[in-house]
Amino acid sequence: MSSELHEAVAGPVEERAVRALFEVTSAAWSDGDIDAFAGRYAQDATVILPGVHLRGRDGIRSAMGAAFAGPLKGSRRLHATESVRLLGPDVVLVVTRSATVFAGEAEPPADRWELATWTLVRRGGEWLVEAYHSCPAGMPS
């Protein structure tokens, strides 16, 4: 996450853990490491993208594994934090502006940015993505 958290998560330990989740998933994406990527999603996670609904860690692993081997090979993800809200001691809602940078690109074009909502849950002491939803962000104002 590239910008400062806008609201306190629950303290510096939790803030670092939430940031680490984004760093790990982004690094796994860049590396095309589907096991590390999918492993940061809850077993029953939900991912909704325009026209796509992925169900559970296994569904995410299958769909994203195929994407990492195909059209997303060599790509990376960028995330800029819009807001972070603590919904409970073990639930955080994060809104980001996110984009995929394809192989050979230095930056994504303006029309590729998305708005994304992440529901993170802490289970067994670690933060996992429980739900993710993205939609086109439109042009920045």
Protein backbone atom coordinates (compact mmCIF):
# COMPACT_ATOMS: atom_id res chain seq x y z
CA MET A 1 0.00 0.00 0.00
CA SER A 2 1.71 3.13 -1.12
CA SER A 3 0.10 5.85 0.96
CA GLU A 4 -0.33 6.28 4.68
CA LEU A 5 -3.27 4.59 6.35
CA HIS A 6 -5.94 7.27 6.74
CA GLU A 7 -7.50 5.84 9.89
CA ALA A 8 -5.97 3.92 12.76
CA VAL A 9 -6.37 0.19 12.25
CA ALA A 10 -5.88 -0.85 15.86
CA GLY A 11 -2.28 0.03 16.52
CA PRO A 12 1.12 -0.22 14.90
CA VAL A 13 1.32 -4.02 15.05
CA GLU A 14 -1.96 -4.45 13.17
CA GLU A 15 -1.07 -1.69 10.72
CA ARG A 16 2.17 -3.46 9.84
CA ALA A 17 0.33 -6.77 9.48
CA VAL A 18 -2.26 -5.25 7.12
CA ARG A 19 0.49 -3.60 5.06
CA ALA A 20 2.38 -6.90 4.98
CA LEU A 21 -0.67 -8.65 3.50
CA PHE A 22 -0.70 -6.23 0.55
CA GLU A 23 3.07 -6.51 0.13
CA VAL A 24 2.98 -10.31 0.14
CA THR A 25 0.07 -10.59 -2.29
CA SER A 26 1.61 -7.99 -4.63
CA ALA A 27 4.99 -9.76 -4.55
CA ALA A 28 3.32 -13.13 -5.19
CA TRP A 29 1.45 -11.59 -8.14
CA SER A 30 4.68 -10.17 -9.59
CA ASP A 31 6.42 -13.52 -9.12
CA GLY A 32 3.49 -15.46 -10.59
CA ASP A 33 3.49 -17.51 -7.36
CA ILE A 34 -0.08 -18.75 -7.23
CA ASP A 35 0.33 -20.68 -3.97
CA ALA A 36 1.67 -17.63 -2.10
CA PHE A 37 -1.00 -15.43 -3.70
CA ALA A 38 -3.99 -17.70 -3.03
CA GLY A 39 -2.66 -18.55 0.42
CA ARG A 40 -3.38 -14.99 1.57
CA TYR A 41 -7.10 -15.47 0.84
CA ALA A 42 -9.47 -17.06 3.36
CA GLN A 43 -10.59 -20.59 2.54
CA ASP A 44 -14.10 -19.34 1.72
CA ALA A 45 -13.06 -15.98 0.21
CA THR A 46 -15.08 -14.19 -2.44
CA VAL A 47 -13.55 -12.23 -5.34
CA ILE A 48 -15.76 -10.15 -7.61
CA LEU A 49 -14.36 -8.47 -10.70
CA PRO A 50 -16.33 -7.02 -13.60
CA GLY A 51 -18.14 -10.04 -15.03
CA VAL A 52 -16.32 -12.54 -12.77
CA HIS A 53 -17.20 -14.16 -9.44
CA LEU A 54 -14.51 -16.40 -7.93
CA ARG A 55 -15.57 -18.56 -5.00
CA GLY A 56 -13.18 -19.88 -2.37
CA ARG A 57 -9.42 -20.16 -2.23
CA ASP A 58 -9.46 -23.10 -4.67
CA GLY A 59 -11.47 -21.10 -7.24
CA ILE A 60 -9.12 -18.15 -6.82
CA ARG A 61 -6.07 -20.41 -7.16
CA SER A 62 -7.44 -22.02 -10.33
CA ALA A 63 -8.50 -18.81 -12.11
CA MET A 64 -5.51 -16.72 -11.09
CA GLY A 65 -3.06 -19.55 -11.77
CA ALA A 66 -4.31 -19.69 -15.35
CA ALA A 67 -4.09 -15.88 -15.59
CA PHE A 68 -0.53 -15.80 -14.17
CA ALA A 69 0.51 -18.40 -16.76
CA GLY A 70 -1.27 -16.50 -19.55
CA PRO A 71 -2.37 -12.87 -19.91
CA LEU A 72 -1.00 -11.71 -16.52
CA LYS A 73 2.43 -13.32 -16.93
CA GLY A 74 5.10 -10.77 -16.00
CA SER A 75 2.58 -8.25 -14.69
CA ARG A 76 2.48 -6.53 -11.31
CA ARG A 77 -0.14 -4.79 -9.16
CA LEU A 78 -0.14 -1.28 -7.75
CA HIS A 79 -2.28 -0.23 -4.77
CA ALA A 80 -2.84 3.26 -3.39
CA THR A 81 -4.83 3.37 -0.17
CA GLU A 82 -7.98 5.50 -0.18
CA SER A 83 -9.22 4.50 3.29
CA VAL A 84 -8.89 1.92 6.05
CA ARG A 85 -11.58 1.28 8.66
CA LEU A 86 -11.50 -1.03 11.61
CA LEU A 87 -14.90 -2.75 11.71
CA GLY A 88 -14.11 -4.93 14.72
CA PRO A 89 -11.04 -6.25 16.49
CA ASP A 90 -10.39 -8.75 13.68
CA VAL A 91 -12.05 -7.13 10.63
CA VAL A 92 -10.67 -4.29 8.49
CA LEU A 93 -12.22 -2.67 5.42
CA VAL A 94 -9.69 -1.20 2.97
CA VAL A 95 -10.49 0.82 -0.16
CA THR A 96 -7.72 1.18 -2.74
CA ARG A 97 -7.12 2.55 -6.19
CA SER A 98 -5.40 -0.37 -7.87
CA ALA A 99 -4.03 -1.16 -11.31
CA THR A 100 -2.29 -3.92 -13.21
CA VAL A 101 0.97 -3.04 -14.92
CA PHE A 102 1.61 -5.46 -17.77
CA ALA A 103 5.03 -6.77 -18.79
CA GLY A 104 6.96 -4.09 -20.66
CA GLU A 105 4.95 -1.20 -19.19
CA ALA A 106 6.45 1.33 -16.78
CA GLU A 107 3.04 2.56 -15.59
CA PRO A 108 -0.56 1.61 -16.30
CA PRO A 109 -2.66 3.91 -18.46
CA ALA A 110 -5.11 6.13 -16.56
CA ASP A 111 -8.15 4.16 -17.74
CA ARG A 112 -6.87 0.90 -16.22
CA TRP A 113 -7.14 2.06 -12.58
CA GLU A 114 -9.81 0.38 -10.46
CA LEU A 115 -11.48 1.11 -7.17
CA ALA A 116 -11.26 -1.93 -4.93
CA THR A 117 -12.80 -2.89 -1.61
CA TRP A 118 -10.98 -5.42 0.55
CA THR A 119 -12.49 -7.04 3.63
CA LEU A 120 -9.64 -8.43 5.70
CA VAL A 121 -10.09 -10.78 8.64
CA ARG A 122 -7.59 -11.88 11.24
CA ARG A 123 -7.63 -15.64 11.73
CA GLY A 124 -5.07 -17.50 13.80
CA GLY A 125 -3.09 -14.29 14.20
CA GLU A 126 -2.75 -13.55 10.48
CA TRP A 127 -4.69 -11.23 8.17
CA LEU A 128 -6.43 -12.83 5.19
CA VAL A 129 -8.55 -11.47 2.37
CA GLU A 130 -12.13 -12.54 3.03
CA ALA A 131 -13.71 -10.54 0.20
CA TYR A 132 -12.42 -8.45 -2.69
CA HIS A 133 -14.43 -6.41 -5.17
CA SER A 134 -13.18 -4.09 -7.90
CA CYS A 135 -14.73 -1.90 -10.54
CA PRO A 136 -13.35 0.64 -13.03
CA ALA A 137 -12.32 3.83 -11.28
CA GLY A 138 -13.07 6.14 -14.16
CA MET A 139 -10.82 9.03 -14.95
CA PRO A 140 -9.21 10.84 -12.01
CA SER A 141 -10.53 14.34 -11.39
